[in-house]
Amino acid sequence: MKSHFLTDRIFELASKTNENLNLEQLLEAAVFRNEGKITSTGALAGDTGKFTGRSPKDKFTVADNLTQDRVWWGKLINHFLLKNLMPS
């Protein structure tokens, strides 16, 4: 099979994944990768880096019978129609 840089990268990343880790193993992996620290209570405090927030324009709310009249639709609240979530 002919090698391709994208396929090679996908296989490289996939070889570094873990499956079915228990809680202790997940916490250990997160700390090892500097993704967070264990607090004095034993919780994982994640470090999201410099950019911690999400742009309001990246958020979507499903417009359906429950939300249509309850959400203040405007420039910052994007709507997504329920029919677009469900496969035809």
C-alpha atoms as a PDB file:
ATOM      1  CA  MET A   1       0.000   0.000   0.000  1.00  0.00           C
ATOM      2  CA  LYS A   2       1.311   3.435  -0.916  1.00  0.00           C
ATOM      3  CA  SER A   3       2.159   5.654   2.039  1.00  0.00           C
ATOM      4  CA  HIS A   4       0.501   9.052   2.468  1.00  0.00           C
ATOM      5  CA  PHE A   5       1.447  11.687   5.031  1.00  0.00           C
ATOM      6  CA  LEU A   6      -2.132  12.104   6.260  1.00  0.00           C
ATOM      7  CA  THR A   7      -2.745   8.379   6.655  1.00  0.00           C
ATOM      8  CA  ASP A   8       0.616   7.979   8.353  1.00  0.00           C
ATOM      9  CA  ARG A   9      -0.258  10.776  10.823  1.00  0.00           C
ATOM     10  CA  ILE A  10      -3.668   9.239  11.605  1.00  0.00           C
ATOM     11  CA  PHE A  11      -2.078   5.870  12.357  1.00  0.00           C
ATOM     12  CA  GLU A  12       0.599   7.561  14.460  1.00  0.00           C
ATOM     13  CA  LEU A  13      -2.027   9.335  16.560  1.00  0.00           C
ATOM     14  CA  ALA A  14      -4.227   6.245  16.819  1.00  0.00           C
ATOM     15  CA  SER A  15      -1.313   4.230  18.173  1.00  0.00           C
ATOM     16  CA  LYS A  16      -1.089   6.677  21.096  1.00  0.00           C
ATOM     17  CA  THR A  17      -4.720   6.352  22.181  1.00  0.00           C
ATOM     18  CA  ASN A  18      -5.910   4.431  25.207  1.00  0.00           C
ATOM     19  CA  GLU A  19      -9.038   2.346  25.610  1.00  0.00           C
ATOM     20  CA  ASN A  20     -11.131   1.548  28.670  1.00  0.00           C
ATOM     21  CA  LEU A  21      -8.975   3.350  31.212  1.00  0.00           C
ATOM     22  CA  ASN A  22     -10.243   3.460  34.776  1.00  0.00           C
ATOM     23  CA  LEU A  23     -10.516   6.760  36.664  1.00  0.00           C
ATOM     24  CA  GLU A  24      -7.073   6.531  38.231  1.00  0.00           C
ATOM     25  CA  GLN A  25      -5.468   5.846  34.847  1.00  0.00           C
ATOM     26  CA  LEU A  26      -7.361   8.733  33.223  1.00  0.00           C
ATOM     27  CA  LEU A  27      -6.232  11.156  35.923  1.00  0.00           C
ATOM     28  CA  GLU A  28      -2.650   9.946  35.690  1.00  0.00           C
ATOM     29  CA  ALA A  29      -2.648  10.361  31.905  1.00  0.00           C
ATOM     30  CA  ALA A  30      -4.094  13.885  32.130  1.00  0.00           C
ATOM     31  CA  VAL A  31      -1.491  14.976  34.674  1.00  0.00           C
ATOM     32  CA  PHE A  32       1.303  13.333  32.685  1.00  0.00           C
ATOM     33  CA  ARG A  33       0.268  15.304  29.568  1.00  0.00           C
ATOM     34  CA  ASN A  34       0.123  18.541  31.614  1.00  0.00           C
ATOM     35  CA  GLU A  35      -3.611  18.881  30.921  1.00  0.00           C
ATOM     36  CA  GLY A  36      -4.372  19.617  34.562  1.00  0.00           C
ATOM     37  CA  LYS A  37      -3.464  19.033  38.183  1.00  0.00           C
ATOM     38  CA  ILE A  38      -5.003  17.023  41.000  1.00  0.00           C
ATOM     39  CA  THR A  39      -6.478  19.318  43.655  1.00  0.00           C
ATOM     40  CA  SER A  40      -6.352  18.793  47.412  1.00  0.00           C
ATOM     41  CA  THR A  41      -9.803  17.187  47.194  1.00  0.00           C
ATOM     42  CA  GLY A  42      -8.702  14.726  44.509  1.00  0.00           C
ATOM     43  CA  ALA A  43     -10.490  16.438  41.622  1.00  0.00           C
ATOM     44  CA  LEU A  44      -8.795  17.138  38.309  1.00  0.00           C
ATOM     45  CA  ALA A  45      -8.445  20.875  37.667  1.00  0.00           C
ATOM     46  CA  GLY A  46      -8.084  21.174  33.918  1.00  0.00           C
ATOM     47  CA  ASP A  47      -5.896  23.774  32.271  1.00  0.00           C
ATOM     48  CA  THR A  48      -7.445  24.964  29.028  1.00  0.00           C
ATOM     49  CA  GLY A  49      -4.588  27.277  28.191  1.00  0.00           C
ATOM     50  CA  LYS A  50      -4.634  30.832  26.955  1.00  0.00           C
ATOM     51  CA  PHE A  51      -7.973  30.644  25.153  1.00  0.00           C
ATOM     52  CA  THR A  52     -10.507  29.380  27.668  1.00  0.00           C
ATOM     53  CA  GLY A  53     -13.763  30.823  26.367  1.00  0.00           C
ATOM     54  CA  ARG A  54     -15.861  29.990  23.381  1.00  0.00           C
ATOM     55  CA  SER A  55     -17.047  32.515  20.904  1.00  0.00           C
ATOM     56  CA  PRO A  56     -20.800  33.072  21.208  1.00  0.00           C
ATOM     57  CA  LYS A  57     -21.011  32.606  17.450  1.00  0.00           C
ATOM     58  CA  ASP A  58     -19.726  29.037  17.910  1.00  0.00           C
ATOM     59  CA  LYS A  59     -22.731  28.075  20.049  1.00  0.00           C
ATOM     60  CA  PHE A  60     -25.975  26.771  18.646  1.00  0.00           C
ATOM     61  CA  THR A  61     -29.339  26.106  20.265  1.00  0.00           C
ATOM     62  CA  VAL A  62     -31.897  23.767  18.756  1.00  0.00           C
ATOM     63  CA  ALA A  63     -34.976  25.696  17.681  1.00  0.00           C
ATOM     64  CA  ASP A  64     -37.932  23.462  18.485  1.00  0.00           C
ATOM     65  CA  ASN A  65     -41.299  23.611  20.251  1.00  0.00           C
ATOM     66  CA  LEU A  66     -39.612  23.939  23.654  1.00  0.00           C
ATOM     67  CA  THR A  67     -37.140  26.686  22.793  1.00  0.00           C
ATOM     68  CA  GLN A  68     -38.857  28.678  20.059  1.00  0.00           C
ATOM     69  CA  ASP A  69     -40.709  31.055  22.407  1.00  0.00           C
ATOM     70  CA  ARG A  70     -38.350  30.795  25.402  1.00  0.00           C
ATOM     71  CA  VAL A  71     -35.021  31.798  23.881  1.00  0.00           C
ATOM     72  CA  TRP A  72     -34.135  35.379  23.131  1.00  0.00           C
ATOM     73  CA  TRP A  73     -33.002  34.800  19.568  1.00  0.00           C
ATOM     74  CA  GLY A  74     -30.612  37.424  18.289  1.00  0.00           C
ATOM     75  CA  LYS A  75     -27.166  38.001  16.852  1.00  0.00           C
ATOM     76  CA  LEU A  76     -25.378  35.957  19.525  1.00  0.00           C
ATOM     77  CA  ILE A  77     -27.696  32.957  19.724  1.00  0.00           C
ATOM     78  CA  ASN A  78     -27.567  30.859  16.599  1.00  0.00           C
ATOM     79  CA  HIS A  79     -30.420  28.479  16.015  1.00  0.00           C
ATOM     80  CA  PHE A  80     -30.266  25.012  14.562  1.00  0.00           C
ATOM     81  CA  LEU A  81     -33.419  23.309  13.347  1.00  0.00           C
ATOM     82  CA  LEU A  82     -34.231  19.941  14.891  1.00  0.00           C
ATOM     83  CA  LYS A  83     -34.975  18.456  11.465  1.00  0.00           C
ATOM     84  CA  ASN A  84     -31.336  19.078  10.513  1.00  0.00           C
ATOM     85  CA  LEU A  85     -30.151  16.947  13.455  1.00  0.00           C
ATOM     86  CA  MET A  86     -32.249  13.933  12.561  1.00  0.00           C
ATOM     87  CA  PRO A  87     -31.246  11.744   9.603  1.00  0.00           C
ATOM     88  CA  SER A  88     -33.923  11.446   6.936  1.00  0.00           C
END
